[in-house]
Each structure stands twice: as C-alpha cells, then as structure tokens.
Amino acid sequence: VLTLLSGSAVVRPAGTEAATTLAPLGPGQFRQGLAREVFGYLPYWEVDSTVDAYLRYDLLTTIAFFSLTYRRDGSIDTGTSGYLRYTGATADTIIAHAHAAGVRVVPTIQAFNTTGQTALLRDMTAQTVAIQQTVDLMRLRGADGVNVDIEAMPSSLLSAYGTFIANLRAAVLAWNPYAQVSVATGAGSFGAQMAATAIASGADRIFVMGYDYHWSGSTYSGAVAPYGSLGSTLTTYANAGVPANRTILGLPYYGRTWPTTTSELNAPVQTDTTTYGGSSAFFPDTLPGSASG
C-alpha cells in the first residue's frame, strides 16, 4: 500500500511516515569550520539500524543517499531498494541528525542505461516529469539539493544533458534558493566535458569519480585510485574549464584484488577465472588483522 504526496506522483510506503516534518537547512544553519567540503555517498545497502551511530556528522558537509533511479518516462522508480531506504524511518533519523549538525542531505538519482538516458534527455515530456518528481521528492524529504549521476552517456546527448541540468536547477532553486545541484562525472576526458557542460548549465558542484582506474575488467592489476592518475584527471578538468572551487574529488574507501600471473607490481591479471577466481573489492575492516567497525 502506498501513500501519495498530495498533488504529486512521488510516493512513500505507508507506515513509514516521519515523526516530524522534514525541512531543508536554511541560512546560517550550514556547517562551518571545516577547511573543505566533505561530500559522502551513503549506499542504500548500508542504511540499517547501526549506520546512524557509525556516521561522523562532525566530519561531513553533505550526505548523498545512493541511489534512486529515473525511469524512461522520467518518473522516479519507487520500487527500488534505494528509494525505500531513502523514504524509510532510518533515513528520517539520519536526516534529522545531519541537519542538527548543519550537514546537507541530498538524494542521488541515477540514469545508467543508454536507452533510458536518451528517453529522459531527449523527450521534454519525460524531462518535465523527472524535474517535477525530483522537486516533489526533495520537498517530501526536506532535501538540501540533489545529486545527478548519469554514467556511460553517449556524447550525442551532451547538449541535452546540459539542458536537463539547467532546467532542473531552475526548478530546484524556485523551491529552495539555498539548495545545491551537483553532478557525478567520470575521471576521463568525456567526464570533464560533462562537468564543463554541467557547470555552464549552472551546476553548483562537480563530484569527480576519482576511482576505478583499475577495475574488475582490467588487464593489469593496480591501484583503484593512483595518485598520478588523480593528478592527470584534475588537470584534464581544469583544462576543460571546470573551476577548482566547485570541484569535489571523490576518493574510494575500498581496494581491489586480482589473481595475477606473477607477484610483480602491476602484474597481468589471470584470465582463467574458473580456476583462479575473479577480481573482488575489499574494505579496510575486512583486511587480515584489521579491527572491524
């Protein structure tokens, strides 16, 4: 059973109503004192009864709930785990505690499928639905902005992407003039083009995905976020005209292992995954001898 937000197609599962009305931060309420912005993604699969006590609200400026999904018609998919966690009671607690600490809380809404991206960005009817539902969702959750994550997008959609970001930001600011619209973009040259387009369209922040330089499909083993590669990425972004003071460098809190043919640095990865297994991610608290937490 779903309860409709009045006048909106955005829904919240019945029985998960917030104990108090959620409202975005206003002037003078945002965190002060940190030398830099600290923007952290909170994946839906980590949103459980323990995560609130784990979060360091004193070291954050923004929490982005990852993630919700745009459908091809522009509507937000209300059946995903990400949506259900973001609109659940645990999220209510996190939002309340974050706001008490002056930390922004925003949803991340993604579109990863090329067919869906084309429908969303080229069809103005779908785009209108997406923007309206995004603002409705922000109102429902007292959000302080929105993070848009469109990945593996064809270059032919770059102009339409800019139009979408511009229209979205105009609608978001019409509701909350203190909100921020941020976008996540890849570490390569096309990611820099997307970032430059988003900045030209009014995006407040660019989140550079500074990770997966080596990934599960890599031919050679190596660091997920090599220092030299990160520097090259930032140079590429600067050359594309993306201002440093609106750029957030996203760093991974994980590493990756591969079965390799030798023990040498950057050794070739074994191609026989049936015998040796494949690549896998690891986190600091899963390393041998490390303390959990």
C-alpha atoms as a PDB file:
ATOM      1  CA  VAL A   1       0.000   0.000   0.000  1.00  0.00           C
ATOM      2  CA  LEU A   2       1.409   3.415  -0.985  1.00  0.00           C
ATOM      3  CA  THR A   3       0.512   6.870   0.239  1.00  0.00           C
ATOM      4  CA  LEU A   4       0.614   9.651  -2.378  1.00  0.00           C
ATOM      5  CA  LEU A   5       2.101  13.017  -1.609  1.00  0.00           C
ATOM      6  CA  SER A   6      -0.688  15.463  -2.308  1.00  0.00           C
ATOM      7  CA  GLY A   7      -0.516  16.780  -5.841  1.00  0.00           C
ATOM      8  CA  SER A   8       2.457  14.589  -6.744  1.00  0.00           C
ATOM      9  CA  ALA A   9       3.307  11.253  -8.259  1.00  0.00           C
ATOM     10  CA  VAL A  10       6.078  10.731  -5.725  1.00  0.00           C
ATOM     11  CA  VAL A  11       5.073   8.155  -3.152  1.00  0.00           C
ATOM     12  CA  ARG A  12       6.197   6.983   0.253  1.00  0.00           C
ATOM     13  CA  PRO A  13       5.477   3.496   1.633  1.00  0.00           C
ATOM     14  CA  ALA A  14       2.602   3.522   4.095  1.00  0.00           C
ATOM     15  CA  GLY A  15       3.618   3.030   7.715  1.00  0.00           C
ATOM     16  CA  THR A  16       6.935   4.871   7.366  1.00  0.00           C
ATOM     17  CA  GLU A  17       5.676   8.395   7.973  1.00  0.00           C
ATOM     18  CA  ALA A  18       8.168  10.727   9.640  1.00  0.00           C
ATOM     19  CA  ALA A  19       7.535  11.567  13.270  1.00  0.00           C
ATOM     20  CA  THR A  20       8.261  15.219  12.487  1.00  0.00           C
ATOM     21  CA  THR A  21       8.154  17.282   9.324  1.00  0.00           C
ATOM     22  CA  LEU A  22      11.463  17.193   7.474  1.00  0.00           C
ATOM     23  CA  ALA A  23      12.674  20.565   6.231  1.00  0.00           C
ATOM     24  CA  PRO A  24      15.865  21.651   4.451  1.00  0.00           C
ATOM     25  CA  LEU A  25      18.556  23.730   6.108  1.00  0.00           C
ATOM     26  CA  GLY A  26      18.196  27.480   5.891  1.00  0.00           C
ATOM     27  CA  PRO A  27      20.569  30.456   6.054  1.00  0.00           C
ATOM     28  CA  GLY A  28      23.030  30.258   8.935  1.00  0.00           C
ATOM     29  CA  GLN A  29      22.333  26.570   9.569  1.00  0.00           C
ATOM     30  CA  PHE A  30      25.007  25.035   7.331  1.00  0.00           C
ATOM     31  CA  ARG A  31      28.134  23.563   8.895  1.00  0.00           C
ATOM     32  CA  GLN A  32      31.014  25.964   9.403  1.00  0.00           C
ATOM     33  CA  GLY A  33      34.589  25.279  10.433  1.00  0.00           C
ATOM     34  CA  LEU A  34      35.762  22.511   8.108  1.00  0.00           C
ATOM     35  CA  ALA A  35      38.555  23.553   5.767  1.00  0.00           C
ATOM     36  CA  ARG A  36      36.981  21.761   2.800  1.00  0.00           C
ATOM     37  CA  GLU A  37      33.645  20.347   1.739  1.00  0.00           C
ATOM     38  CA  VAL A  38      33.322  16.664   2.601  1.00  0.00           C
ATOM     39  CA  PHE A  39      30.719  15.016   0.391  1.00  0.00           C
ATOM     40  CA  GLY A  40      29.985  11.392   1.281  1.00  0.00           C
ATOM     41  CA  TYR A  41      27.822   8.863  -0.506  1.00  0.00           C
ATOM     42  CA  LEU A  42      25.698   6.647   1.753  1.00  0.00           C
ATOM     43  CA  PRO A  43      24.747   3.487  -0.213  1.00  0.00           C
ATOM     44  CA  TYR A  44      21.261   2.140   0.413  1.00  0.00           C
ATOM     45  CA  TRP A  45      22.677  -1.275   1.370  1.00  0.00           C
ATOM     46  CA  GLU A  46      24.442   0.357   4.334  1.00  0.00           C
ATOM     47  CA  VAL A  47      21.285   2.024   5.647  1.00  0.00           C
ATOM     48  CA  ASP A  48      20.365  -0.140   8.645  1.00  0.00           C
ATOM     49  CA  SER A  49      19.815   0.260  12.371  1.00  0.00           C
ATOM     50  CA  THR A  50      23.560   0.669  13.057  1.00  0.00           C
ATOM     51  CA  VAL A  51      24.556   3.274  10.484  1.00  0.00           C
ATOM     52  CA  ASP A  52      23.382   6.362  12.372  1.00  0.00           C
ATOM     53  CA  ALA A  53      25.750   5.649  15.264  1.00  0.00           C
ATOM     54  CA  TYR A  54      28.572   4.971  12.790  1.00  0.00           C
ATOM     55  CA  LEU A  55      28.308   8.212  10.805  1.00  0.00           C
ATOM     56  CA  ARG A  56      30.666  11.066  11.727  1.00  0.00           C
ATOM     57  CA  TYR A  57      28.351  14.015  11.220  1.00  0.00           C
ATOM     58  CA  ASP A  58      31.058  16.290  12.631  1.00  0.00           C
ATOM     59  CA  LEU A  59      33.325  15.493   9.657  1.00  0.00           C
ATOM     60  CA  LEU A  60      30.784  15.884   6.853  1.00  0.00           C
ATOM     61  CA  THR A  61      29.247  18.735   4.919  1.00  0.00           C
ATOM     62  CA  THR A  62      26.939  16.653   2.666  1.00  0.00           C
ATOM     63  CA  ILE A  63      25.441  13.163   2.796  1.00  0.00           C
ATOM     64  CA  ALA A  64      24.168  11.817  -0.525  1.00  0.00           C
ATOM     65  CA  PHE A  65      21.767   8.873  -0.309  1.00  0.00           C
ATOM     66  CA  PHE A  66      22.793   6.474  -3.076  1.00  0.00           C
ATOM     67  CA  SER A  67      20.728   5.837  -5.072  1.00  0.00           C
ATOM     68  CA  LEU A  68      17.344   6.308  -6.704  1.00  0.00           C
ATOM     69  CA  THR A  69      16.570   5.778 -10.393  1.00  0.00           C
ATOM     70  CA  TYR A  70      14.844   7.688 -13.175  1.00  0.00           C
ATOM     71  CA  ARG A  71      12.626   5.570 -15.416  1.00  0.00           C
ATOM     72  CA  ARG A  72      12.481   6.172 -19.178  1.00  0.00           C
ATOM     73  CA  ASP A  73       9.318   8.260 -18.785  1.00  0.00           C
ATOM     74  CA  GLY A  74      11.102  10.498 -16.286  1.00  0.00           C
ATOM     75  CA  SER A  75       9.347   9.172 -13.205  1.00  0.00           C
ATOM     76  CA  ILE A  76      11.348   8.107 -10.166  1.00  0.00           C
ATOM     77  CA  ASP A  77      11.181   4.351  -9.612  1.00  0.00           C
ATOM     78  CA  THR A  78       9.517   3.946  -6.216  1.00  0.00           C
ATOM     79  CA  GLY A  79      10.046   0.183  -6.106  1.00  0.00           C
ATOM     80  CA  THR A  80      13.840   0.151  -5.779  1.00  0.00           C
ATOM     81  CA  SER A  81      15.656  -0.614  -2.538  1.00  0.00           C
ATOM     82  CA  GLY A  82      17.336   2.776  -2.766  1.00  0.00           C
ATOM     83  CA  TYR A  83      14.012   4.595  -2.825  1.00  0.00           C
ATOM     84  CA  LEU A  84      12.548   2.530   0.002  1.00  0.00           C
ATOM     85  CA  ARG A  85      15.591   3.115   2.220  1.00  0.00           C
ATOM     86  CA  TYR A  86      15.650   6.847   1.464  1.00  0.00           C
ATOM     87  CA  THR A  87      11.990   7.200   2.403  1.00  0.00           C
ATOM     88  CA  GLY A  88      12.199   4.925   5.457  1.00  0.00           C
ATOM     89  CA  ALA A  89      12.331   5.587   9.180  1.00  0.00           C
ATOM     90  CA  THR A  90      16.110   5.077   9.468  1.00  0.00           C
ATOM     91  CA  ALA A  91      16.634   7.792   6.861  1.00  0.00           C
ATOM     92  CA  ASP A  92      14.368  10.078   8.903  1.00  0.00           C
ATOM     93  CA  THR A  93      16.764   9.706  11.835  1.00  0.00           C
ATOM     94  CA  ILE A  94      19.841  10.280   9.687  1.00  0.00           C
ATOM     95  CA  ILE A  95      18.342  13.387   8.077  1.00  0.00           C
ATOM     96  CA  ALA A  96      17.329  14.798  11.454  1.00  0.00           C
ATOM     97  CA  HIS A  97      20.768  14.212  12.999  1.00  0.00           C
ATOM     98  CA  ALA A  98      22.577  15.522   9.920  1.00  0.00           C
ATOM     99  CA  HIS A  99      20.520  18.688   9.887  1.00  0.00           C
ATOM    100  CA  ALA A 100      21.115  19.174  13.606  1.00  0.00           C
ATOM    101  CA  ALA A 101      24.837  19.155  12.776  1.00  0.00           C
ATOM    102  CA  GLY A 102      24.416  21.518   9.810  1.00  0.00           C
ATOM    103  CA  VAL A 103      25.065  18.778   7.245  1.00  0.00           C
ATOM    104  CA  ARG A 104      23.243  18.822   3.914  1.00  0.00           C
ATOM    105  CA  VAL A 105      21.343  15.681   2.907  1.00  0.00           C
ATOM    106  CA  VAL A 106      20.553  15.045  -0.759  1.00  0.00           C
ATOM    107  CA  PRO A 107      19.266  12.129  -2.832  1.00  0.00           C
ATOM    108  CA  THR A 108      21.380  10.762  -5.663  1.00  0.00           C
ATOM    109  CA  ILE A 109      19.226   9.980  -8.704  1.00  0.00           C
ATOM    110  CA  GLN A 110      20.822   7.949 -11.453  1.00  0.00           C
ATOM    111  CA  ALA A 111      20.309   7.007 -15.098  1.00  0.00           C
ATOM    112  CA  PHE A 112      22.814   4.394 -16.259  1.00  0.00           C
ATOM    113  CA  ASN A 113      21.027   2.805 -19.217  1.00  0.00           C
ATOM    114  CA  THR A 114      21.707   4.427 -22.611  1.00  0.00           C
ATOM    115  CA  THR A 115      18.167   3.852 -23.871  1.00  0.00           C
ATOM    116  CA  GLY A 116      16.754   5.344 -20.698  1.00  0.00           C
ATOM    117  CA  GLN A 117      19.148   8.294 -20.860  1.00  0.00           C
ATOM    118  CA  THR A 118      18.079   9.049 -24.421  1.00  0.00           C
ATOM    119  CA  ALA A 119      14.411   8.941 -23.473  1.00  0.00           C
ATOM    120  CA  LEU A 120      14.963  11.109 -20.386  1.00  0.00           C
ATOM    121  CA  LEU A 121      17.156  13.740 -22.039  1.00  0.00           C
ATOM    122  CA  ARG A 122      15.583  13.952 -25.493  1.00  0.00           C
ATOM    123  CA  ASP A 123      11.886  13.735 -24.562  1.00  0.00           C
ATOM    124  CA  MET A 124      10.832  17.032 -22.977  1.00  0.00           C
ATOM    125  CA  THR A 125       7.696  15.432 -21.543  1.00  0.00           C
ATOM    126  CA  ALA A 126       9.817  12.867 -19.713  1.00  0.00           C
ATOM    127  CA  GLN A 127      12.220  15.591 -18.635  1.00  0.00           C
ATOM    128  CA  THR A 128       9.380  17.657 -17.204  1.00  0.00           C
ATOM    129  CA  VAL A 129       8.147  14.643 -15.233  1.00  0.00           C
ATOM    130  CA  ALA A 130      11.663  13.950 -13.931  1.00  0.00           C
ATOM    131  CA  ILE A 131      12.183  17.512 -12.760  1.00  0.00           C
ATOM    132  CA  GLN A 132       8.766  17.767 -11.118  1.00  0.00           C
ATOM    133  CA  GLN A 133       9.180  14.466  -9.295  1.00  0.00           C
ATOM    134  CA  THR A 134      12.676  15.420  -8.176  1.00  0.00           C
ATOM    135  CA  VAL A 135      11.413  18.626  -6.599  1.00  0.00           C
ATOM    136  CA  ASP A 136       8.449  16.773  -5.079  1.00  0.00           C
ATOM    137  CA  LEU A 137      10.847  14.240  -3.568  1.00  0.00           C
ATOM    138  CA  MET A 138      13.062  16.989  -2.178  1.00  0.00           C
ATOM    139  CA  ARG A 139      10.040  18.605  -0.574  1.00  0.00           C
ATOM    140  CA  LEU A 140       8.916  15.270   0.880  1.00  0.00           C
ATOM    141  CA  ARG A 141      12.322  14.541   2.424  1.00  0.00           C
ATOM    142  CA  GLY A 142      13.448  18.051   3.347  1.00  0.00           C
ATOM    143  CA  ALA A 143      16.370  17.671   0.938  1.00  0.00           C
ATOM    144  CA  ASP A 144      19.097  20.290   0.614  1.00  0.00           C
ATOM    145  CA  GLY A 145      19.622  19.664  -3.082  1.00  0.00           C
ATOM    146  CA  VAL A 146      20.046  16.745  -5.460  1.00  0.00           C
ATOM    147  CA  ASN A 147      22.948  14.813  -6.917  1.00  0.00           C
ATOM    148  CA  VAL A 148      22.547  13.608 -10.528  1.00  0.00           C
ATOM    149  CA  ASP A 149      24.550  10.559 -11.570  1.00  0.00           C
ATOM    150  CA  ILE A 150      24.368   9.855 -15.321  1.00  0.00           C
ATOM    151  CA  GLU A 151      27.104   7.465 -16.439  1.00  0.00           C
ATOM    152  CA  ALA A 152      28.262   5.917 -19.728  1.00  0.00           C
ATOM    153  CA  MET A 153      26.278   8.558 -21.598  1.00  0.00           C
ATOM    154  CA  PRO A 154      26.716   8.852 -25.388  1.00  0.00           C
ATOM    155  CA  SER A 155      28.465  12.045 -26.466  1.00  0.00           C
ATOM    156  CA  SER A 156      25.483  12.809 -28.704  1.00  0.00           C
ATOM    157  CA  LEU A 157      23.451  13.562 -25.566  1.00  0.00           C
ATOM    158  CA  LEU A 158      25.864  16.142 -24.148  1.00  0.00           C
ATOM    159  CA  SER A 159      23.838  19.187 -25.189  1.00  0.00           C
ATOM    160  CA  ALA A 160      20.581  17.619 -23.964  1.00  0.00           C
ATOM    161  CA  TYR A 161      22.316  16.781 -20.686  1.00  0.00           C
ATOM    162  CA  GLY A 162      23.190  20.445 -20.222  1.00  0.00           C
ATOM    163  CA  THR A 163      19.600  21.464 -20.898  1.00  0.00           C
ATOM    164  CA  PHE A 164      18.357  18.982 -18.311  1.00  0.00           C
ATOM    165  CA  ILE A 165      20.769  20.232 -15.631  1.00  0.00           C
ATOM    166  CA  ALA A 166      19.821  23.868 -16.342  1.00  0.00           C
ATOM    167  CA  ASN A 167      16.082  23.166 -16.175  1.00  0.00           C
ATOM    168  CA  LEU A 168      16.456  21.016 -13.076  1.00  0.00           C
ATOM    169  CA  ARG A 169      18.463  23.642 -11.225  1.00  0.00           C
ATOM    170  CA  ALA A 170      15.962  26.376 -12.089  1.00  0.00           C
ATOM    171  CA  ALA A 171      13.107  24.284 -10.672  1.00  0.00           C
ATOM    172  CA  VAL A 172      15.085  23.277  -7.574  1.00  0.00           C
ATOM    173  CA  LEU A 173      16.038  26.867  -6.754  1.00  0.00           C
ATOM    174  CA  ALA A 174      12.471  28.038  -7.333  1.00  0.00           C
ATOM    175  CA  TRP A 175      11.500  25.790  -4.433  1.00  0.00           C
ATOM    176  CA  ASN A 176      14.598  26.228  -2.254  1.00  0.00           C
ATOM    177  CA  PRO A 177      17.051  29.013  -3.149  1.00  0.00           C
ATOM    178  CA  TYR A 178      19.655  27.529  -0.777  1.00  0.00           C
ATOM    179  CA  ALA A 179      19.695  24.080  -2.400  1.00  0.00           C
ATOM    180  CA  GLN A 180      22.649  22.735  -4.370  1.00  0.00           C
ATOM    181  CA  VAL A 181      22.535  20.737  -7.588  1.00  0.00           C
ATOM    182  CA  SER A 182      25.579  18.528  -8.019  1.00  0.00           C
ATOM    183  CA  VAL A 183      26.533  16.024 -10.703  1.00  0.00           C
ATOM    184  CA  ALA A 184      28.803  12.986 -10.659  1.00  0.00           C
ATOM    185  CA  THR A 185      31.158  12.693 -13.630  1.00  0.00           C
ATOM    186  CA  GLY A 186      33.824  10.228 -14.728  1.00  0.00           C
ATOM    187  CA  ALA A 187      37.578  10.635 -14.466  1.00  0.00           C
ATOM    188  CA  GLY A 188      38.262  10.630 -18.235  1.00  0.00           C
ATOM    189  CA  SER A 189      38.166  13.359 -20.844  1.00  0.00           C
ATOM    190  CA  PHE A 190      34.460  12.896 -21.567  1.00  0.00           C
ATOM    191  CA  GLY A 191      33.738  13.165 -17.849  1.00  0.00           C
ATOM    192  CA  ALA A 192      35.478  16.536 -17.970  1.00  0.00           C
ATOM    193  CA  GLN A 193      33.277  17.545 -20.903  1.00  0.00           C
ATOM    194  CA  MET A 194      30.175  16.540 -18.963  1.00  0.00           C
ATOM    195  CA  ALA A 195      31.439  18.510 -15.976  1.00  0.00           C
ATOM    196  CA  ALA A 196      32.124  21.604 -18.078  1.00  0.00           C
ATOM    197  CA  THR A 197      28.661  21.345 -19.623  1.00  0.00           C
ATOM    198  CA  ALA A 198      27.053  20.977 -16.196  1.00  0.00           C
ATOM    199  CA  ILE A 199      28.975  23.989 -14.850  1.00  0.00           C
ATOM    200  CA  ALA A 200      27.912  26.072 -17.845  1.00  0.00           C
ATOM    201  CA  SER A 201      24.345  24.981 -17.121  1.00  0.00           C
ATOM    202  CA  GLY A 202      24.533  26.185 -13.524  1.00  0.00           C
ATOM    203  CA  ALA A 203      25.532  23.089 -11.549  1.00  0.00           C
ATOM    204  CA  ASP A 204      26.808  24.099  -8.121  1.00  0.00           C
ATOM    205  CA  ARG A 205      29.220  21.214  -7.588  1.00  0.00           C
ATOM    206  CA  ILE A 206      31.010  18.601  -9.683  1.00  0.00           C
ATOM    207  CA  PHE A 207      31.773  15.288  -7.995  1.00  0.00           C
ATOM    208  CA  VAL A 208      34.689  13.711  -9.861  1.00  0.00           C
ATOM    209  CA  MET A 209      34.609   9.931  -9.592  1.00  0.00           C
ATOM    210  CA  GLY A 210      38.307   9.517  -8.862  1.00  0.00           C
ATOM    211  CA  TYR A 211      38.330   5.745  -8.681  1.00  0.00           C
ATOM    212  CA  ASP A 212      38.205   2.544 -10.741  1.00  0.00           C
ATOM    213  CA  TYR A 213      41.272   3.488 -12.771  1.00  0.00           C
ATOM    214  CA  HIS A 214      41.864  -0.240 -12.306  1.00  0.00           C
ATOM    215  CA  TRP A 215      38.625  -2.222 -12.117  1.00  0.00           C
ATOM    216  CA  SER A 216      37.259  -5.752 -12.262  1.00  0.00           C
ATOM    217  CA  GLY A 217      37.846  -5.972 -16.028  1.00  0.00           C
ATOM    218  CA  SER A 218      41.392  -4.616 -16.006  1.00  0.00           C
ATOM    219  CA  THR A 219      44.131  -6.492 -17.858  1.00  0.00           C
ATOM    220  CA  TYR A 220      46.781  -5.445 -15.327  1.00  0.00           C
ATOM    221  CA  SER A 221      46.493  -5.121 -11.567  1.00  0.00           C
ATOM    222  CA  GLY A 222      46.962  -1.744  -9.944  1.00  0.00           C
ATOM    223  CA  ALA A 223      45.644   0.869  -7.564  1.00  0.00           C
ATOM    224  CA  VAL A 224      41.966   1.799  -7.713  1.00  0.00           C
ATOM    225  CA  ALA A 225      42.934   5.477  -7.423  1.00  0.00           C
ATOM    226  CA  PRO A 226      46.625   6.037  -8.289  1.00  0.00           C
ATOM    227  CA  TYR A 227      47.993   9.385  -7.171  1.00  0.00           C
ATOM    228  CA  GLY A 228      49.434  10.228 -10.585  1.00  0.00           C
ATOM    229  CA  SER A 229      46.191   9.378 -12.375  1.00  0.00           C
ATOM    230  CA  LEU A 230      44.218  11.572  -9.990  1.00  0.00           C
ATOM    231  CA  GLY A 231      46.528  14.469 -10.772  1.00  0.00           C
ATOM    232  CA  SER A 232      46.087  13.923 -14.504  1.00  0.00           C
ATOM    233  CA  THR A 233      42.317  13.871 -14.084  1.00  0.00           C
ATOM    234  CA  LEU A 234      42.288  17.177 -12.212  1.00  0.00           C
ATOM    235  CA  THR A 235      44.488  18.722 -14.891  1.00  0.00           C
ATOM    236  CA  THR A 236      42.088  17.492 -17.579  1.00  0.00           C
ATOM    237  CA  TYR A 237      39.177  19.040 -15.684  1.00  0.00           C
ATOM    238  CA  ALA A 238      40.994  22.345 -15.244  1.00  0.00           C
ATOM    239  CA  ASN A 239      41.859  22.437 -18.949  1.00  0.00           C
ATOM    240  CA  ALA A 240      38.179  21.858 -19.745  1.00  0.00           C
ATOM    241  CA  GLY A 241      37.285  24.966 -17.757  1.00  0.00           C
ATOM    242  CA  VAL A 242      35.876  23.297 -14.649  1.00  0.00           C
ATOM    243  CA  PRO A 243      36.639  25.606 -11.697  1.00  0.00           C
ATOM    244  CA  ALA A 244      38.538  24.011  -8.813  1.00  0.00           C
ATOM    245  CA  ASN A 245      36.385  25.745  -6.201  1.00  0.00           C
ATOM    246  CA  ARG A 246      33.316  23.897  -7.483  1.00  0.00           C
ATOM    247  CA  THR A 247      35.031  20.534  -7.852  1.00  0.00           C
ATOM    248  CA  ILE A 248      34.866  17.739  -5.272  1.00  0.00           C
ATOM    249  CA  LEU A 249      37.379  14.912  -5.717  1.00  0.00           C
ATOM    250  CA  GLY A 250      35.684  11.606  -4.934  1.00  0.00           C
ATOM    251  CA  LEU A 251      38.052   9.036  -3.419  1.00  0.00           C
ATOM    252  CA  PRO A 252      37.337   5.332  -2.796  1.00  0.00           C
ATOM    253  CA  TYR A 253      37.063   3.715   0.602  1.00  0.00           C
ATOM    254  CA  TYR A 254      37.896   0.334  -0.836  1.00  0.00           C
ATOM    255  CA  GLY A 255      40.591  -1.521  -2.753  1.00  0.00           C
ATOM    256  CA  ARG A 256      40.604  -4.384  -5.238  1.00  0.00           C
ATOM    257  CA  THR A 257      42.324  -7.734  -5.518  1.00  0.00           C
ATOM    258  CA  TRP A 258      43.075  -9.840  -8.619  1.00  0.00           C
ATOM    259  CA  PRO A 259      44.628 -13.236  -9.229  1.00  0.00           C
ATOM    260  CA  THR A 260      47.799 -12.372 -11.173  1.00  0.00           C
ATOM    261  CA  THR A 261      50.286 -14.298 -13.298  1.00  0.00           C
ATOM    262  CA  THR A 262      53.286 -13.117 -11.194  1.00  0.00           C
ATOM    263  CA  SER A 263      53.913 -11.358  -7.894  1.00  0.00           C
ATOM    264  CA  GLU A 264      55.361  -8.273  -9.588  1.00  0.00           C
ATOM    265  CA  LEU A 265      53.837  -4.820  -9.251  1.00  0.00           C
ATOM    266  CA  ASN A 266      51.106  -4.229 -11.867  1.00  0.00           C
ATOM    267  CA  ALA A 267      51.310  -7.875 -12.922  1.00  0.00           C
ATOM    268  CA  PRO A 268      48.972  -9.195 -15.643  1.00  0.00           C
ATOM    269  CA  VAL A 269      45.646 -10.475 -14.342  1.00  0.00           C
ATOM    270  CA  GLN A 270      44.867 -14.177 -14.688  1.00  0.00           C
ATOM    271  CA  THR A 271      42.335 -14.724 -17.468  1.00  0.00           C
ATOM    272  CA  ASP A 272      41.355 -18.180 -16.178  1.00  0.00           C
ATOM    273  CA  THR A 273      38.723 -17.066 -13.669  1.00  0.00           C
ATOM    274  CA  THR A 274      37.267 -20.579 -13.454  1.00  0.00           C
ATOM    275  CA  THR A 275      40.449 -21.839 -11.822  1.00  0.00           C
ATOM    276  CA  TYR A 276      41.693 -18.733 -10.051  1.00  0.00           C
ATOM    277  CA  GLY A 277      38.525 -16.761  -9.422  1.00  0.00           C
ATOM    278  CA  GLY A 278      37.982 -13.168 -10.443  1.00  0.00           C
ATOM    279  CA  SER A 279      38.619  -9.710  -9.094  1.00  0.00           C
ATOM    280  CA  SER A 280      36.963  -8.676  -5.847  1.00  0.00           C
ATOM    281  CA  ALA A 281      36.658  -5.485  -3.818  1.00  0.00           C
ATOM    282  CA  PHE A 282      37.854  -5.267  -0.235  1.00  0.00           C
ATOM    283  CA  PHE A 283      37.355  -2.727   2.507  1.00  0.00           C
ATOM    284  CA  PRO A 284      39.734  -1.685   5.304  1.00  0.00           C
ATOM    285  CA  ASP A 285      37.828  -3.564   8.006  1.00  0.00           C
ATOM    286  CA  THR A 286      37.973  -6.832   6.028  1.00  0.00           C
ATOM    287  CA  LEU A 287      41.769  -6.961   5.761  1.00  0.00           C
ATOM    288  CA  PRO A 288      43.523  -9.667   7.832  1.00  0.00           C
ATOM    289  CA  GLY A 289      44.480  -8.329  11.251  1.00  0.00           C
ATOM    290  CA  SER A 290      42.330  -5.208  10.983  1.00  0.00           C
ATOM    291  CA  ALA A 291      39.757  -4.158  13.555  1.00  0.00           C
ATOM    292  CA  SER A 292      36.172  -4.182  12.381  1.00  0.00           C
ATOM    293  CA  GLY A 293      33.993  -1.121  12.611  1.00  0.00           C
END
